[in-house]
Amino acid sequence: MKIAILGGTGDIGEGLALRFAQKHSVIVGSRDAEKAKEAAKKYDELLKSRGMKDDVEGMSNVDATRDADIVILAVKFQFAVETLQSVADDLDGKIIVSPIVPMSKTKLCAYTPPEKGSAARHMCSVMPPEIRMVVAFQTLPAPRLANLDDPLGFDVIVCADDEEAKKVVMDLVPDLGNVRALDGGGLEEAKLVESLTPLLINLAIRNKMKPLSMKFV
């Protein structure tokens, strides 16, 4: 499967690219194609140095989307709609995965949902109704995801109104490594999942712990 990670030069994008490259073709996307190529080269060199499969290339967001089966929108909330609209012509029938969380941060983090209730709902409201939006990866800590020595052992909650798209993403989640996918319901539940990210960050800060994630037992 070809997975495009728009904003793949950032923290969460790096971890997703490094781990998905073991079983899929990964395309790092950026507004700046040269920046995407530089990031892809860095990821490839890291994987090669560890004797791991490396299948990462870099392109502009538009080219990455055009060549992909699944598009992960790994950008900050304030750039989400702009990024989606810039690749809209190439999204037909493709699954869009949002790990986006609208939040603000000073010393601690605060969840700041838009009027529609969640980042996912907000993006859907400004895109064609047939967009195949799936929410996932919000609770994965980027530093640990990018650390290939970290065994993870986390759960990922996946939400979507499109049941077929949800299943595709749930089947994809274990390819990150020791990670389990859980069905979190429809996009109405996205606000509950998104709000977990600032909670986990704040718990780690208050208790002087390394970045936290979740495992349901």
C-alpha atoms as a PDB file:
ATOM      1  CA  MET A   1       0.000   0.000   0.000  1.00  0.00           C
ATOM      2  CA  LYS A   2       1.191   3.542  -0.738  1.00  0.00           C
ATOM      3  CA  ILE A   3       0.834   5.857   2.251  1.00  0.00           C
ATOM      4  CA  ALA A   4       1.288   9.612   1.853  1.00  0.00           C
ATOM      5  CA  ILE A   5       2.072  11.533   5.031  1.00  0.00           C
ATOM      6  CA  LEU A   6       1.361  15.214   4.424  1.00  0.00           C
ATOM      7  CA  GLY A   7       3.435  17.162   6.891  1.00  0.00           C
ATOM      8  CA  GLY A   8       5.661  14.115   7.062  1.00  0.00           C
ATOM      9  CA  THR A   9       8.694  16.215   7.971  1.00  0.00           C
ATOM     10  CA  GLY A  10       7.259  16.907  11.448  1.00  0.00           C
ATOM     11  CA  ASP A  11       7.399  14.907  14.676  1.00  0.00           C
ATOM     12  CA  ILE A  12       4.440  12.552  14.285  1.00  0.00           C
ATOM     13  CA  GLY A  13       5.114  12.286  10.557  1.00  0.00           C
ATOM     14  CA  GLU A  14       8.648  11.044  11.176  1.00  0.00           C
ATOM     15  CA  GLY A  15       7.544   8.237  13.469  1.00  0.00           C
ATOM     16  CA  LEU A  16       4.732   7.123  11.181  1.00  0.00           C
ATOM     17  CA  ALA A  17       7.058   7.148   8.163  1.00  0.00           C
ATOM     18  CA  LEU A  18       9.816   5.141   9.856  1.00  0.00           C
ATOM     19  CA  ARG A  19       7.459   2.465  11.125  1.00  0.00           C
ATOM     20  CA  PHE A  20       5.110   2.147   8.153  1.00  0.00           C
ATOM     21  CA  ALA A  21       8.093   1.919   5.772  1.00  0.00           C
ATOM     22  CA  GLN A  22       8.731  -1.604   7.071  1.00  0.00           C
ATOM     23  CA  LYS A  23       5.608  -2.914   5.328  1.00  0.00           C
ATOM     24  CA  HIS A  24       4.465  -0.205   2.917  1.00  0.00           C
ATOM     25  CA  SER A  25       5.694   2.398   0.456  1.00  0.00           C
ATOM     26  CA  VAL A  26       5.762   5.740   2.265  1.00  0.00           C
ATOM     27  CA  ILE A  27       5.641   9.140   0.595  1.00  0.00           C
ATOM     28  CA  VAL A  28       6.662  12.107   2.728  1.00  0.00           C
ATOM     29  CA  GLY A  29       4.744  15.198   1.658  1.00  0.00           C
ATOM     30  CA  SER A  30       5.429  18.857   2.312  1.00  0.00           C
ATOM     31  CA  ARG A  31       4.519  22.219   0.843  1.00  0.00           C
ATOM     32  CA  ASP A  32       8.232  22.383  -0.003  1.00  0.00           C
ATOM     33  CA  ALA A  33       9.157  19.370  -2.161  1.00  0.00           C
ATOM     34  CA  GLU A  34      12.876  19.775  -1.432  1.00  0.00           C
ATOM     35  CA  LYS A  35      12.219  19.688   2.300  1.00  0.00           C
ATOM     36  CA  ALA A  36      10.212  16.481   1.821  1.00  0.00           C
ATOM     37  CA  LYS A  37      13.053  14.906  -0.183  1.00  0.00           C
ATOM     38  CA  GLU A  38      15.590  15.823   2.493  1.00  0.00           C
ATOM     39  CA  ALA A  39      13.411  14.296   5.222  1.00  0.00           C
ATOM     40  CA  ALA A  40      12.837  11.126   3.187  1.00  0.00           C
ATOM     41  CA  LYS A  41      16.586  10.768   2.631  1.00  0.00           C
ATOM     42  CA  LYS A  42      17.210  11.144   6.376  1.00  0.00           C
ATOM     43  CA  TYR A  43      14.580   8.496   7.211  1.00  0.00           C
ATOM     44  CA  ASP A  44      15.987   6.115   4.599  1.00  0.00           C
ATOM     45  CA  GLU A  45      19.531   6.522   5.925  1.00  0.00           C
ATOM     46  CA  LEU A  46      18.377   5.853   9.491  1.00  0.00           C
ATOM     47  CA  LEU A  47      16.541   2.695   8.439  1.00  0.00           C
ATOM     48  CA  LYS A  48      19.468   1.464   6.333  1.00  0.00           C
ATOM     49  CA  SER A  49      21.855   2.002   9.248  1.00  0.00           C
ATOM     50  CA  ARG A  50      19.719  -0.386  11.287  1.00  0.00           C
ATOM     51  CA  GLY A  51      19.461  -2.973   8.518  1.00  0.00           C
ATOM     52  CA  MET A  52      15.735  -2.304   8.185  1.00  0.00           C
ATOM     53  CA  LYS A  53      13.572  -2.065   5.083  1.00  0.00           C
ATOM     54  CA  ASP A  54      13.597   1.466   3.703  1.00  0.00           C
ATOM     55  CA  ASP A  55      10.942   2.566   1.235  1.00  0.00           C
ATOM     56  CA  VAL A  56      10.496   6.297   1.722  1.00  0.00           C
ATOM     57  CA  GLU A  57      10.452   9.046  -0.897  1.00  0.00           C
ATOM     58  CA  GLY A  58       9.722  12.761  -0.682  1.00  0.00           C
ATOM     59  CA  MET A  59       7.418  14.900  -2.818  1.00  0.00           C
ATOM     60  CA  SER A  60       5.221  17.953  -2.686  1.00  0.00           C
ATOM     61  CA  ASN A  61       1.891  17.444  -0.899  1.00  0.00           C
ATOM     62  CA  VAL A  62       0.075  17.447  -4.234  1.00  0.00           C
ATOM     63  CA  ASP A  63       2.305  14.833  -5.847  1.00  0.00           C
ATOM     64  CA  ALA A  64       2.304  12.704  -2.686  1.00  0.00           C
ATOM     65  CA  THR A  65      -1.488  12.686  -2.575  1.00  0.00           C
ATOM     66  CA  ARG A  66      -1.793  11.857  -6.264  1.00  0.00           C
ATOM     67  CA  ASP A  67       0.417   8.765  -5.892  1.00  0.00           C
ATOM     68  CA  ALA A  68      -1.072   7.455  -2.625  1.00  0.00           C
ATOM     69  CA  ASP A  69      -3.781   5.001  -1.576  1.00  0.00           C
ATOM     70  CA  ILE A  70      -4.103   6.490   1.927  1.00  0.00           C
ATOM     71  CA  VAL A  71      -3.331  10.080   2.963  1.00  0.00           C
ATOM     72  CA  ILE A  72      -2.339  10.858   6.557  1.00  0.00           C
ATOM     73  CA  LEU A  73      -2.790  14.533   7.403  1.00  0.00           C
ATOM     74  CA  ALA A  74       0.053  15.067   9.880  1.00  0.00           C
ATOM     75  CA  VAL A  75      -0.147  18.862  10.083  1.00  0.00           C
ATOM     76  CA  LYS A  76      -1.130  21.306  12.795  1.00  0.00           C
ATOM     77  CA  PHE A  77      -4.820  22.132  13.089  1.00  0.00           C
ATOM     78  CA  GLN A  78      -4.390  25.680  11.792  1.00  0.00           C
ATOM     79  CA  PHE A  79      -3.015  24.319   8.500  1.00  0.00           C
ATOM     80  CA  ALA A  80      -5.412  21.377   8.109  1.00  0.00           C
ATOM     81  CA  VAL A  81      -8.102  22.897   5.899  1.00  0.00           C
ATOM     82  CA  GLU A  82      -5.588  24.766   3.746  1.00  0.00           C
ATOM     83  CA  THR A  83      -3.624  21.547   3.205  1.00  0.00           C
ATOM     84  CA  LEU A  84      -6.721  19.492   2.380  1.00  0.00           C
ATOM     85  CA  GLN A  85      -7.985  22.078  -0.064  1.00  0.00           C
ATOM     86  CA  SER A  86      -4.588  22.253  -1.781  1.00  0.00           C
ATOM     87  CA  VAL A  87      -4.798  18.533  -2.644  1.00  0.00           C
ATOM     88  CA  ALA A  88      -8.579  18.295  -3.099  1.00  0.00           C
ATOM     89  CA  ASP A  89      -8.384  17.436  -6.803  1.00  0.00           C
ATOM     90  CA  ASP A  90      -6.528  14.212  -5.992  1.00  0.00           C
ATOM     91  CA  LEU A  91      -8.560  12.982  -3.008  1.00  0.00           C
ATOM     92  CA  ASP A  92     -11.336  11.235  -4.916  1.00  0.00           C
ATOM     93  CA  GLY A  93     -12.046   7.890  -3.244  1.00  0.00           C
ATOM     94  CA  LYS A  94      -8.960   8.057  -1.037  1.00  0.00           C
ATOM     95  CA  ILE A  95      -8.999   7.574   2.718  1.00  0.00           C
ATOM     96  CA  ILE A  96      -7.903  10.606   4.742  1.00  0.00           C
ATOM     97  CA  VAL A  97      -6.512   9.848   8.208  1.00  0.00           C
ATOM     98  CA  SER A  98      -6.457  12.655  10.760  1.00  0.00           C
ATOM     99  CA  PRO A  99      -4.209  12.485  13.835  1.00  0.00           C
ATOM    100  CA  ILE A 100      -4.887  16.217  14.299  1.00  0.00           C
ATOM    101  CA  VAL A 101      -5.736  17.736  17.671  1.00  0.00           C
ATOM    102  CA  PRO A 102      -6.804  21.382  18.035  1.00  0.00           C
ATOM    103  CA  MET A 103      -5.030  22.503  21.180  1.00  0.00           C
ATOM    104  CA  SER A 104      -3.072  25.355  22.668  1.00  0.00           C
ATOM    105  CA  LYS A 105      -0.040  25.114  24.892  1.00  0.00           C
ATOM    106  CA  THR A 106       1.642  27.350  27.408  1.00  0.00           C
ATOM    107  CA  LYS A 107       3.079  25.363  30.314  1.00  0.00           C
ATOM    108  CA  LEU A 108       0.256  22.843  29.952  1.00  0.00           C
ATOM    109  CA  CYS A 109      -2.020  21.931  27.048  1.00  0.00           C
ATOM    110  CA  ALA A 110      -5.669  22.801  26.547  1.00  0.00           C
ATOM    111  CA  TYR A 111      -8.078  21.206  24.098  1.00  0.00           C
ATOM    112  CA  THR A 112      -9.586  23.979  21.961  1.00  0.00           C
ATOM    113  CA  PRO A 113     -12.208  22.348  19.718  1.00  0.00           C
ATOM    114  CA  PRO A 114     -13.689  24.329  16.823  1.00  0.00           C
ATOM    115  CA  GLU A 115     -17.378  25.133  16.516  1.00  0.00           C
ATOM    116  CA  LYS A 116     -18.089  21.762  14.846  1.00  0.00           C
ATOM    117  CA  GLY A 117     -16.837  19.961  17.950  1.00  0.00           C
ATOM    118  CA  SER A 118     -13.666  18.327  16.610  1.00  0.00           C
ATOM    119  CA  ALA A 119     -10.920  18.846  14.067  1.00  0.00           C
ATOM    120  CA  ALA A 120     -12.313  15.967  12.019  1.00  0.00           C
ATOM    121  CA  ARG A 121     -15.842  17.405  11.894  1.00  0.00           C
ATOM    122  CA  HIS A 122     -14.462  20.844  11.076  1.00  0.00           C
ATOM    123  CA  MET A 123     -12.493  19.506   8.104  1.00  0.00           C
ATOM    124  CA  CYS A 124     -15.463  17.511   6.840  1.00  0.00           C
ATOM    125  CA  SER A 125     -17.655  20.618   7.004  1.00  0.00           C
ATOM    126  CA  VAL A 126     -15.538  22.458   4.431  1.00  0.00           C
ATOM    127  CA  MET A 127     -14.905  19.524   2.103  1.00  0.00           C
ATOM    128  CA  PRO A 128     -17.212  17.599  -0.276  1.00  0.00           C
ATOM    129  CA  PRO A 129     -19.617  15.258   1.543  1.00  0.00           C
ATOM    130  CA  GLU A 130     -18.026  12.152   0.042  1.00  0.00           C
ATOM    131  CA  ILE A 131     -14.692  12.725   1.813  1.00  0.00           C
ATOM    132  CA  ARG A 132     -13.562   9.504   3.557  1.00  0.00           C
ATOM    133  CA  MET A 133     -12.341  10.849   6.889  1.00  0.00           C
ATOM    134  CA  VAL A 134     -10.891   8.566   9.575  1.00  0.00           C
ATOM    135  CA  VAL A 135      -9.596   9.660  12.984  1.00  0.00           C
ATOM    136  CA  ALA A 136      -6.573   7.781  14.379  1.00  0.00           C
ATOM    137  CA  PHE A 137      -3.122   8.082  16.025  1.00  0.00           C
ATOM    138  CA  GLN A 138      -3.988  10.998  18.366  1.00  0.00           C
ATOM    139  CA  THR A 139      -2.721   9.170  21.455  1.00  0.00           C
ATOM    140  CA  LEU A 140       0.618   8.030  20.012  1.00  0.00           C
ATOM    141  CA  PRO A 141       3.516  10.049  21.497  1.00  0.00           C
ATOM    142  CA  ALA A 142       5.656  11.288  18.616  1.00  0.00           C
ATOM    143  CA  PRO A 143       9.091  10.921  20.327  1.00  0.00           C
ATOM    144  CA  ARG A 144       8.428   7.300  21.228  1.00  0.00           C
ATOM    145  CA  LEU A 145       6.977   6.502  17.810  1.00  0.00           C
ATOM    146  CA  ALA A 146      10.150   7.815  16.152  1.00  0.00           C
ATOM    147  CA  ASN A 147      12.364   5.845  18.558  1.00  0.00           C
ATOM    148  CA  LEU A 148      12.629   2.491  16.817  1.00  0.00           C
ATOM    149  CA  ASP A 149      13.995   0.919  20.009  1.00  0.00           C
ATOM    150  CA  ASP A 150      10.755   1.711  21.857  1.00  0.00           C
ATOM    151  CA  PRO A 151       8.517  -1.395  22.029  1.00  0.00           C
ATOM    152  CA  LEU A 152       5.367   0.776  22.163  1.00  0.00           C
ATOM    153  CA  GLY A 153       2.606  -1.599  23.340  1.00  0.00           C
ATOM    154  CA  PHE A 154      -0.187   0.940  22.907  1.00  0.00           C
ATOM    155  CA  ASP A 155      -3.778   1.053  21.707  1.00  0.00           C
ATOM    156  CA  VAL A 156      -5.012   3.346  18.937  1.00  0.00           C
ATOM    157  CA  ILE A 157      -8.658   4.411  18.821  1.00  0.00           C
ATOM    158  CA  VAL A 158     -10.071   4.646  15.302  1.00  0.00           C
ATOM    159  CA  CYS A 159     -13.269   6.572  14.480  1.00  0.00           C
ATOM    160  CA  ALA A 160     -15.090   6.996  11.157  1.00  0.00           C
ATOM    161  CA  ASP A 161     -18.585   7.118   9.700  1.00  0.00           C
ATOM    162  CA  ASP A 162     -17.326   5.188   6.667  1.00  0.00           C
ATOM    163  CA  GLU A 163     -17.107   1.619   8.004  1.00  0.00           C
ATOM    164  CA  GLU A 164     -15.049   0.338   5.087  1.00  0.00           C
ATOM    165  CA  ALA A 165     -12.485   3.115   5.490  1.00  0.00           C
ATOM    166  CA  LYS A 166     -12.376   2.496   9.241  1.00  0.00           C
ATOM    167  CA  LYS A 167     -11.592  -1.182   8.703  1.00  0.00           C
ATOM    168  CA  VAL A 168      -8.767  -0.365   6.280  1.00  0.00           C
ATOM    169  CA  VAL A 169      -7.136   1.908   8.871  1.00  0.00           C
ATOM    170  CA  MET A 170      -7.704  -0.543  11.718  1.00  0.00           C
ATOM    171  CA  ASP A 171      -5.968  -3.233   9.663  1.00  0.00           C
ATOM    172  CA  LEU A 172      -3.112  -0.800   9.035  1.00  0.00           C
ATOM    173  CA  VAL A 173      -2.490   0.137  12.687  1.00  0.00           C
ATOM    174  CA  PRO A 174      -0.672  -3.088  13.737  1.00  0.00           C
ATOM    175  CA  ASP A 175       1.896  -2.451  10.994  1.00  0.00           C
ATOM    176  CA  LEU A 176       3.347   0.243  13.268  1.00  0.00           C
ATOM    177  CA  GLY A 177       4.621  -2.532  15.505  1.00  0.00           C
ATOM    178  CA  ASN A 178       3.208  -3.522  18.868  1.00  0.00           C
ATOM    179  CA  VAL A 179       0.064  -1.394  18.507  1.00  0.00           C
ATOM    180  CA  ARG A 180      -3.573  -2.498  18.650  1.00  0.00           C
ATOM    181  CA  ALA A 181      -6.513  -0.816  16.896  1.00  0.00           C
ATOM    182  CA  LEU A 182      -9.800  -0.320  18.746  1.00  0.00           C
ATOM    183  CA  ASP A 183     -13.082   0.698  17.116  1.00  0.00           C
ATOM    184  CA  GLY A 184     -14.059   4.014  18.682  1.00  0.00           C
ATOM    185  CA  GLY A 185     -17.297   4.527  16.747  1.00  0.00           C
ATOM    186  CA  GLY A 186     -18.186   7.290  14.310  1.00  0.00           C
ATOM    187  CA  LEU A 187     -16.868  10.800  13.773  1.00  0.00           C
ATOM    188  CA  GLU A 188     -19.184  12.077  16.485  1.00  0.00           C
ATOM    189  CA  GLU A 189     -16.775  10.402  18.930  1.00  0.00           C
ATOM    190  CA  ALA A 190     -13.761  12.169  17.412  1.00  0.00           C
ATOM    191  CA  LYS A 191     -13.963  14.954  19.982  1.00  0.00           C
ATOM    192  CA  LEU A 192     -13.518  12.412  22.778  1.00  0.00           C
ATOM    193  CA  VAL A 193     -10.441  10.890  21.155  1.00  0.00           C
ATOM    194  CA  GLU A 194      -8.865  14.232  20.260  1.00  0.00           C
ATOM    195  CA  SER A 195      -9.245  15.495  23.815  1.00  0.00           C
ATOM    196  CA  LEU A 196      -7.125  12.630  25.143  1.00  0.00           C
ATOM    197  CA  THR A 197      -3.938  14.089  23.654  1.00  0.00           C
ATOM    198  CA  PRO A 198      -3.657  17.153  25.912  1.00  0.00           C
ATOM    199  CA  LEU A 199      -4.633  14.983  28.878  1.00  0.00           C
ATOM    200  CA  LEU A 200      -1.733  12.599  28.215  1.00  0.00           C
ATOM    201  CA  ILE A 201       0.720  15.449  27.649  1.00  0.00           C
ATOM    202  CA  ASN A 202      -0.339  17.195  30.848  1.00  0.00           C
ATOM    203  CA  LEU A 203      -0.110  13.983  32.886  1.00  0.00           C
ATOM    204  CA  ALA A 204       3.451  13.458  31.672  1.00  0.00           C
ATOM    205  CA  ILE A 205       4.416  17.067  32.487  1.00  0.00           C
ATOM    206  CA  ARG A 206       2.798  17.115  35.945  1.00  0.00           C
ATOM    207  CA  ASN A 207       4.258  13.769  36.947  1.00  0.00           C
ATOM    208  CA  LYS A 208       7.668  14.224  35.300  1.00  0.00           C
ATOM    209  CA  MET A 209       7.234  11.152  33.120  1.00  0.00           C
ATOM    210  CA  LYS A 210       8.347  10.332  29.588  1.00  0.00           C
ATOM    211  CA  PRO A 211       5.638  10.844  26.907  1.00  0.00           C
ATOM    212  CA  LEU A 212       2.571   8.768  27.705  1.00  0.00           C
ATOM    213  CA  SER A 213       0.145   6.777  25.610  1.00  0.00           C
ATOM    214  CA  MET A 214      -2.721   4.402  26.406  1.00  0.00           C
ATOM    215  CA  LYS A 215      -3.370   0.676  26.741  1.00  0.00           C
ATOM    216  CA  PHE A 216      -6.840  -0.568  27.652  1.00  0.00           C
ATOM    217  CA  VAL A 217      -6.996  -3.631  29.894  1.00  0.00           C
END
